[in-house]
């Protein structure tokens, strides 16, 4: 490449939980090794960049949140480029590449990135590299790693083309014919990820050529199955390409020597977030392994390390400047998080045993990608599991703070109406359980649901109430929450509009709030017209899992609920014709009613619950119903459903 070519590119990221930022930082770190300079900014920092005047290539990494929205940090940016008064050539000068992050478990996969991509294209911007869409359901790295590999060649060709255009522009002014580019045709870039070769370009990753140190270990495991702590050929014998070691940027100092009631307004259908702690026993175990049990009540002072090479290094916002070590590990860091490859790479340097060090190198390498997916990601392995599996690994506290993400609040749907019972909020939760597996031999409960289960146990089993006072009364536990309003999953504004609700299991939660609200409206407005209200509910066993059974019976008797259709998947039946087991099967029994409500009466359809095992089946049932009743082919029926989604009349509140 000519020495006078510009080597700067603008790197923008928009993140909700930190993944897009981490990937952008990886691109920034690798850029230097390729002789390039990445000018990195969060998309929300619109005072630090200007796409209207940007001449250099732009690289965008953007995640998706909610049911398909751009992350909060991109909202201002998206609103700006959605301006209908902008001309179609507004960004005709712009060359960009975009990497979108998403989860195919959700309907609008990577829709945050797709939205920005479409808007930029509509305003005349052009790709210099194909858009990448990474799926967190199967592992972001499957797309992210090769996309970044190919980015460097694409950028270099973009710089060459940019230089040629500048030369042509300057020559046109001076009247001098343009000189032939010495290497303009040499690259002939194919930006399709599947055609990329790992050998192309310069790598920032470390190339390891050494073999396993213990040849006896290699021989003894040659025919064995791989595991979290053991590999087999070819991975165990090949040279590895591992990520660059992330620069350290925090330092920790120990210093020897903490709810209030708020007005919480909400609508039925809204969600709220519970601020929950990590499991106490797991925190204690982590402290013990790290040799810090005697310092759990010490204050930890976190500062940015002087001389760090990390760009824009700051103390993470979720880390207090000064807090006790126990508070930090209990309330601030997600110690259950699945370790990213960059974290594994950093742990290599904290491991003294040669065999353990090699295995960690394999797990974070390109060659060990399938092992990472199988033994880390799919097994839900966390930091504690790794420290047990690799006992010579002893990371510093500063390293944990750098690599463990923020302990996220957990979201739950409101199952009550503030209008029906002011000042009271109800919700339903299932206790999530993770069974043991070879890579993670200890079974666990969900971080939040396990904690909530412990809190409500004394209420469910008063005789075992260990919190009871001498007077016989029990103390009331308080939990911290904050609102997470849902802008669409609400009752129709017009009460005369009919609607159908599908919510098996805990998916019934928001619909109880719907019905409470509707009942109160009926009581106070006896002259109003109310449309039909259908509820399709299912659970495993009628006698054990039928949530809100008595309440639903009352709603049905007083007319708040017009139709209640239930099914029980695990109950045996003596009927000649077996009853339907699942809500999507029950739905198929009412094709004319579904079509009438949705198409003829322009009603609403709500789905809440598990996406993979229920919501997808429900949407398929609706497509089949519309296809049959409207005498249309399946593709046409799918288009009808898409229109209902766009009109916000087919609404989902689902989780994977």
Foldseek 3Di string as FASTA:
>chain_A
DDPPFAQEEEEEEEDAFCPLVVLSLLLQVWSVQQVHHYNYDYLLPCVVDDLQPDQAAYEYEWEADDLQATHPSCVVVLVVLVPPPQDQQSNLNYEYEYEFEAAPLHDNASNHRVSVVVSNVSSNYYYLAYYHYAHVNQNRCVGSVLLSLLVSLSNVLRSVVSVQVVQVVVCVVVVHDGDDDPCNPVSVDDRDSVPDDNPPGGGPFDKAADAQPDVVVQVVCQPPDAALQGDYPPLRHGIWGFRHAAWFWKDKDWAPDADDDDADAAAQFWKKFFQFWFDPVVLCVVCVLLVNNVQQQTKMAMATDPPIPRPPDGQDPLDDRIDGNVCCRTGWFPQLAQFALNLLVNQLVQADDRSRSSSSRLLRTPNNVVVVSVQGVVLSDGPVLSCVSRVRGRDDPSSRSVGTTTPDTDMFGWQAGCLLPNPDTDADDDWAKRDADPSRRDIDTDRVSVVVCVQCVCVVPVVPPPQADPVGDGDHDDIDMGTGTDPQRHADPQQQQEEEEEAEFRRCRSVNRVLSVLVSCCVVCVPHHGHAYHYEYEEADPVPGPPCVVVVVVSCVVVSHPYYHYAHQNDDDPDPDDDDHASLVVVLVPLVVLCCSCPVRVAAYEYEEASPPHVVSNVVSQLVSCCVVVVHDSVVSVVVVVVCVVVSRYYYHHDD
